[in-house]
């Protein structure tokens, strides 16, 4: 998994590429912990092929971090396979998730 971080003012976009699983969730956590202050955190899932329960847990942690700093949180460009996992868990009802 690669993660590209883009900052536009206080808006932070993390562009993920690959699998967000137990192995890559640690790297994702490291990147999100570096976020000090933001008005919005956007996860770009255009190139995410798979998400595991460990990956879901870190997405939820990131969403909570955004909420704690009163920042908007969204996940964009989610493919059908990954969206089905968000739907099965009910997370699509609790956070802003847009499919591709």
N, C-alpha and C. Protein backbone atom coordinates (compact mmCIF):
# COMPACT_ATOMS: atom_id res chain seq x y z
N UNK A 1 0.84 -1.18 0.00
CA UNK A 1 0.00 0.00 0.00
C UNK A 1 0.88 1.24 0.00
N UNK A 2 0.52 2.18 -0.85
CA UNK A 2 1.17 3.48 -0.83
C UNK A 2 0.12 4.52 -0.44
N UNK A 3 0.59 5.55 0.25
CA UNK A 3 -0.30 6.63 0.69
C UNK A 3 0.34 7.95 0.30
N UNK A 4 -0.39 8.70 -0.49
CA UNK A 4 0.07 10.02 -0.91
C UNK A 4 -0.74 11.06 -0.14
N UNK A 5 -0.04 11.95 0.55
CA UNK A 5 -0.69 12.98 1.35
C UNK A 5 -0.64 14.31 0.62
N UNK A 6 -1.80 14.95 0.47
CA UNK A 6 -1.88 16.24 -0.20
C UNK A 6 -2.59 17.22 0.74
N UNK A 7 -1.97 18.36 0.95
CA UNK A 7 -2.56 19.38 1.81
C UNK A 7 -2.91 20.61 0.99
N UNK A 8 -4.16 21.01 1.08
CA UNK A 8 -4.63 22.23 0.43
C UNK A 8 -5.20 23.11 1.55
N UNK A 9 -4.39 24.04 2.01
CA UNK A 9 -4.77 24.81 3.19
C UNK A 9 -4.84 23.85 4.37
N UNK A 10 -6.00 23.79 5.02
CA UNK A 10 -6.18 22.87 6.14
C UNK A 10 -6.96 21.63 5.73
N UNK A 11 -7.15 21.45 4.43
CA UNK A 11 -7.83 20.25 3.92
C UNK A 11 -6.77 19.21 3.57
N UNK A 12 -6.90 18.03 4.14
CA UNK A 12 -5.91 16.98 3.91
C UNK A 12 -6.56 15.83 3.16
N UNK A 13 -5.95 15.45 2.04
CA UNK A 13 -6.42 14.31 1.26
C UNK A 13 -5.35 13.23 1.31
N UNK A 14 -5.78 12.04 1.67
CA UNK A 14 -4.89 10.87 1.66
C UNK A 14 -5.34 9.97 0.53
N UNK A 15 -4.48 9.81 -0.47
CA UNK A 15 -4.77 8.99 -1.63
C UNK A 15 -4.12 7.62 -1.40
N UNK A 16 -4.95 6.60 -1.22
CA UNK A 16 -4.47 5.26 -0.93
C UNK A 16 -4.43 4.42 -2.19
N UNK A 17 -3.45 3.54 -2.27
CA UNK A 17 -3.29 2.67 -3.44
C UNK A 17 -2.89 1.27 -2.96
N UNK A 18 -3.77 0.29 -3.21
CA UNK A 18 -3.47 -1.09 -2.82
C UNK A 18 -4.50 -1.65 -1.86
N UNK A 19 -4.04 -2.56 -1.02
CA UNK A 19 -4.91 -3.20 -0.03
C UNK A 19 -4.76 -2.52 1.32
N UNK A 20 -5.90 -2.21 1.95
CA UNK A 20 -5.89 -1.69 3.32
C UNK A 20 -6.24 -2.86 4.23
N UNK A 21 -5.19 -3.59 4.64
CA UNK A 21 -5.37 -4.78 5.45
C UNK A 21 -4.54 -4.66 6.73
N UNK A 22 -4.39 -5.77 7.45
CA UNK A 22 -3.67 -5.75 8.73
C UNK A 22 -2.24 -5.24 8.57
N UNK A 23 -1.61 -5.58 7.47
CA UNK A 23 -0.22 -5.18 7.25
C UNK A 23 -0.13 -3.68 6.96
N UNK A 24 -0.95 -3.19 6.06
CA UNK A 24 -0.88 -1.78 5.67
C UNK A 24 -1.60 -0.85 6.64
N UNK A 25 -2.47 -1.39 7.49
CA UNK A 25 -3.20 -0.55 8.45
C UNK A 25 -2.24 0.17 9.38
N UNK A 26 -1.10 -0.46 9.70
CA UNK A 26 -0.11 0.17 10.56
C UNK A 26 0.47 1.42 9.90
N UNK A 27 0.78 1.33 8.61
CA UNK A 27 1.30 2.49 7.87
C UNK A 27 0.24 3.59 7.80
N UNK A 28 -1.01 3.20 7.55
CA UNK A 28 -2.12 4.14 7.49
C UNK A 28 -2.25 4.88 8.83
N UNK A 29 -2.13 4.14 9.93
CA UNK A 29 -2.21 4.74 11.26
C UNK A 29 -1.10 5.75 11.47
N UNK A 30 0.12 5.41 11.06
CA UNK A 30 1.24 6.33 11.21
C UNK A 30 0.98 7.64 10.48
N UNK A 31 0.45 7.54 9.27
CA UNK A 31 0.18 8.74 8.47
C UNK A 31 -0.92 9.58 9.11
N UNK A 32 -1.99 8.94 9.58
CA UNK A 32 -3.10 9.70 10.17
C UNK A 32 -2.71 10.31 11.51
N UNK A 33 -1.83 9.65 12.26
CA UNK A 33 -1.39 10.21 13.54
C UNK A 33 -0.56 11.47 13.35
N UNK A 34 0.05 11.64 12.19
CA UNK A 34 0.84 12.84 11.90
C UNK A 34 -0.03 14.07 11.63
N UNK A 35 -1.32 13.86 11.40
CA UNK A 35 -2.21 14.99 11.12
C UNK A 35 -2.43 15.76 12.41
N UNK A 36 -1.98 17.01 12.42
CA UNK A 36 -2.09 17.82 13.62
C UNK A 36 -3.39 18.59 13.70
N UNK A 37 -3.72 19.28 12.63
CA UNK A 37 -4.93 20.10 12.59
C UNK A 37 -5.43 20.11 11.15
N UNK A 38 -6.74 20.01 11.01
CA UNK A 38 -7.33 20.01 9.67
C UNK A 38 -8.76 20.51 9.73
N UNK A 39 -9.22 21.06 8.62
CA UNK A 39 -10.63 21.44 8.51
C UNK A 39 -11.41 20.31 7.84
N UNK A 40 -10.68 19.47 7.10
CA UNK A 40 -11.30 18.31 6.43
C UNK A 40 -10.24 17.24 6.21
N UNK A 41 -10.66 15.99 6.39
CA UNK A 41 -9.82 14.84 6.06
C UNK A 41 -10.59 14.02 5.03
N UNK A 42 -9.97 13.86 3.87
CA UNK A 42 -10.60 13.13 2.77
C UNK A 42 -9.74 11.91 2.44
N UNK A 43 -10.35 10.75 2.42
CA UNK A 43 -9.66 9.54 2.01
C UNK A 43 -10.07 9.22 0.59
N UNK A 44 -9.12 9.21 -0.32
CA UNK A 44 -9.37 8.90 -1.72
C UNK A 44 -9.09 7.41 -1.92
N UNK A 45 -10.16 6.65 -2.14
CA UNK A 45 -10.08 5.19 -2.26
C UNK A 45 -10.10 4.72 -3.71
N UNK A 46 -9.81 5.61 -4.66
CA UNK A 46 -9.90 5.25 -6.07
C UNK A 46 -9.10 3.99 -6.40
N UNK A 47 -7.94 3.81 -5.77
CA UNK A 47 -7.09 2.68 -6.09
C UNK A 47 -7.02 1.64 -4.97
N UNK A 48 -7.98 1.70 -4.03
CA UNK A 48 -8.04 0.69 -2.97
C UNK A 48 -8.82 -0.51 -3.52
N UNK A 49 -8.16 -1.65 -3.53
CA UNK A 49 -8.75 -2.86 -4.10
C UNK A 49 -9.47 -3.71 -3.06
N UNK A 50 -9.07 -3.57 -1.79
CA UNK A 50 -9.59 -4.43 -0.73
C UNK A 50 -9.42 -3.73 0.61
N UNK A 51 -10.38 -3.96 1.52
CA UNK A 51 -10.25 -3.45 2.89
C UNK A 51 -10.64 -4.57 3.85
N UNK A 52 -9.80 -4.81 4.85
CA UNK A 52 -10.05 -5.84 5.85
C UNK A 52 -10.66 -5.21 7.10
N UNK A 53 -10.96 -6.03 8.09
CA UNK A 53 -11.50 -5.51 9.35
C UNK A 53 -10.48 -4.59 10.03
N UNK A 54 -9.20 -4.91 9.91
CA UNK A 54 -8.16 -4.04 10.48
C UNK A 54 -8.16 -2.69 9.77
N UNK A 55 -8.35 -2.71 8.46
CA UNK A 55 -8.43 -1.47 7.69
C UNK A 55 -9.66 -0.66 8.07
N UNK A 56 -10.79 -1.34 8.24
CA UNK A 56 -12.02 -0.66 8.65
C UNK A 56 -11.84 0.01 10.01
N UNK A 57 -11.19 -0.70 10.91
CA UNK A 57 -10.95 -0.16 12.26
C UNK A 57 -10.15 1.14 12.17
N UNK A 58 -9.14 1.18 11.31
CA UNK A 58 -8.32 2.38 11.20
C UNK A 58 -9.07 3.52 10.51
N UNK A 59 -9.96 3.19 9.59
CA UNK A 59 -10.80 4.22 8.96
C UNK A 59 -11.71 4.86 10.01
N UNK A 60 -12.30 4.01 10.88
CA UNK A 60 -13.16 4.52 11.95
C UNK A 60 -12.34 5.40 12.91
N UNK A 61 -11.13 4.98 13.24
CA UNK A 61 -10.25 5.77 14.10
C UNK A 61 -9.95 7.12 13.48
N UNK A 62 -9.70 7.13 12.17
CA UNK A 62 -9.44 8.37 11.46
C UNK A 62 -10.67 9.28 11.48
N UNK A 63 -11.85 8.70 11.30
CA UNK A 63 -13.09 9.48 11.33
C UNK A 63 -13.30 10.09 12.72
N UNK A 64 -12.98 9.34 13.77
CA UNK A 64 -13.11 9.86 15.13
C UNK A 64 -12.12 11.01 15.37
N UNK A 65 -10.92 10.87 14.82
CA UNK A 65 -9.92 11.94 14.94
C UNK A 65 -10.45 13.21 14.29
N UNK A 66 -11.03 13.07 13.09
CA UNK A 66 -11.60 14.23 12.40
C UNK A 66 -12.71 14.86 13.23
N UNK A 67 -13.58 14.03 13.80
CA UNK A 67 -14.68 14.54 14.61
C UNK A 67 -14.15 15.29 15.83
N UNK A 68 -13.11 14.75 16.47
CA UNK A 68 -12.53 15.38 17.66
C UNK A 68 -11.95 16.76 17.35
N UNK A 69 -11.49 16.97 16.11
CA UNK A 69 -10.93 18.28 15.75
C UNK A 69 -11.94 19.12 14.96
N UNK A 70 -13.21 18.69 14.98
CA UNK A 70 -14.29 19.40 14.28
C UNK A 70 -14.02 19.55 12.80
N UNK A 71 -13.40 18.55 12.22
CA UNK A 71 -13.10 18.55 10.78
C UNK A 71 -14.11 17.67 10.05
N UNK A 72 -14.37 18.01 8.80
CA UNK A 72 -15.21 17.15 7.97
C UNK A 72 -14.42 15.89 7.63
N UNK A 73 -15.14 14.79 7.45
CA UNK A 73 -14.50 13.52 7.09
C UNK A 73 -15.29 12.89 5.96
N UNK A 74 -14.58 12.44 4.93
CA UNK A 74 -15.27 11.76 3.83
C UNK A 74 -14.32 10.78 3.15
N UNK A 75 -14.95 9.79 2.53
CA UNK A 75 -14.22 8.81 1.73
C UNK A 75 -14.80 8.92 0.32
N UNK A 76 -13.93 9.09 -0.66
CA UNK A 76 -14.39 9.30 -2.03
C UNK A 76 -13.86 8.22 -2.97
N UNK A 77 -14.52 8.09 -4.11
CA UNK A 77 -14.09 7.22 -5.22
C UNK A 77 -13.95 5.75 -4.80
N UNK A 78 -14.92 5.26 -4.04
CA UNK A 78 -14.89 3.88 -3.55
C UNK A 78 -15.46 2.95 -4.62
N UNK A 79 -14.73 1.87 -4.94
CA UNK A 79 -15.24 0.92 -5.94
C UNK A 79 -16.35 0.04 -5.35
N UNK A 80 -17.02 -0.72 -6.20
CA UNK A 80 -18.18 -1.51 -5.78
C UNK A 80 -17.83 -2.56 -4.73
N UNK A 81 -16.69 -3.22 -4.88
CA UNK A 81 -16.30 -4.27 -3.94
C UNK A 81 -16.07 -3.71 -2.54
N UNK A 82 -15.32 -2.62 -2.46
CA UNK A 82 -15.04 -2.01 -1.16
C UNK A 82 -16.31 -1.38 -0.60
N UNK A 83 -17.14 -0.79 -1.45
CA UNK A 83 -18.39 -0.20 -0.99
C UNK A 83 -19.30 -1.25 -0.38
N UNK A 84 -19.28 -2.47 -0.94
CA UNK A 84 -20.12 -3.53 -0.38
C UNK A 84 -19.69 -3.87 1.05
N UNK A 85 -18.41 -3.77 1.34
CA UNK A 85 -17.93 -4.02 2.70
C UNK A 85 -18.39 -2.91 3.64
N UNK A 86 -18.30 -1.65 3.18
CA UNK A 86 -18.81 -0.55 4.00
C UNK A 86 -20.32 -0.72 4.24
N UNK A 87 -21.05 -1.18 3.25
CA UNK A 87 -22.49 -1.39 3.39
C UNK A 87 -22.80 -2.51 4.37
N UNK A 88 -22.06 -3.62 4.26
CA UNK A 88 -22.28 -4.76 5.16
C UNK A 88 -22.06 -4.37 6.62
N UNK A 89 -21.11 -3.49 6.87
CA UNK A 89 -20.80 -3.09 8.24
C UNK A 89 -21.69 -1.95 8.73
N UNK A 90 -22.42 -1.32 7.82
CA UNK A 90 -23.27 -0.19 8.18
C UNK A 90 -22.53 1.14 8.24
N UNK A 91 -21.24 1.12 7.93
CA UNK A 91 -20.46 2.36 8.00
C UNK A 91 -20.90 3.37 6.94
N UNK A 92 -21.49 2.87 5.85
CA UNK A 92 -21.97 3.79 4.81
C UNK A 92 -23.11 4.68 5.31
N UNK A 93 -23.73 4.29 6.41
CA UNK A 93 -24.82 5.09 7.01
C UNK A 93 -24.27 6.06 8.06
N UNK A 94 -23.04 5.83 8.53
CA UNK A 94 -22.50 6.62 9.63
C UNK A 94 -21.48 7.66 9.18
N UNK A 95 -20.98 7.53 7.94
CA UNK A 95 -19.99 8.49 7.45
C UNK A 95 -20.23 8.76 5.97
N UNK A 96 -19.66 9.85 5.50
CA UNK A 96 -19.83 10.24 4.10
C UNK A 96 -18.91 9.38 3.20
N UNK A 97 -19.53 8.49 2.43
CA UNK A 97 -18.78 7.61 1.54
C UNK A 97 -19.41 7.71 0.15
N UNK A 98 -18.60 8.06 -0.84
CA UNK A 98 -19.09 8.21 -2.22
C UNK A 98 -18.42 7.17 -3.11
N UNK A 99 -19.23 6.47 -3.88
CA UNK A 99 -18.67 5.47 -4.79
C UNK A 99 -18.15 6.16 -6.05
N UNK A 100 -17.38 5.38 -6.86
CA UNK A 100 -16.79 5.96 -8.07
C UNK A 100 -17.78 6.19 -9.17
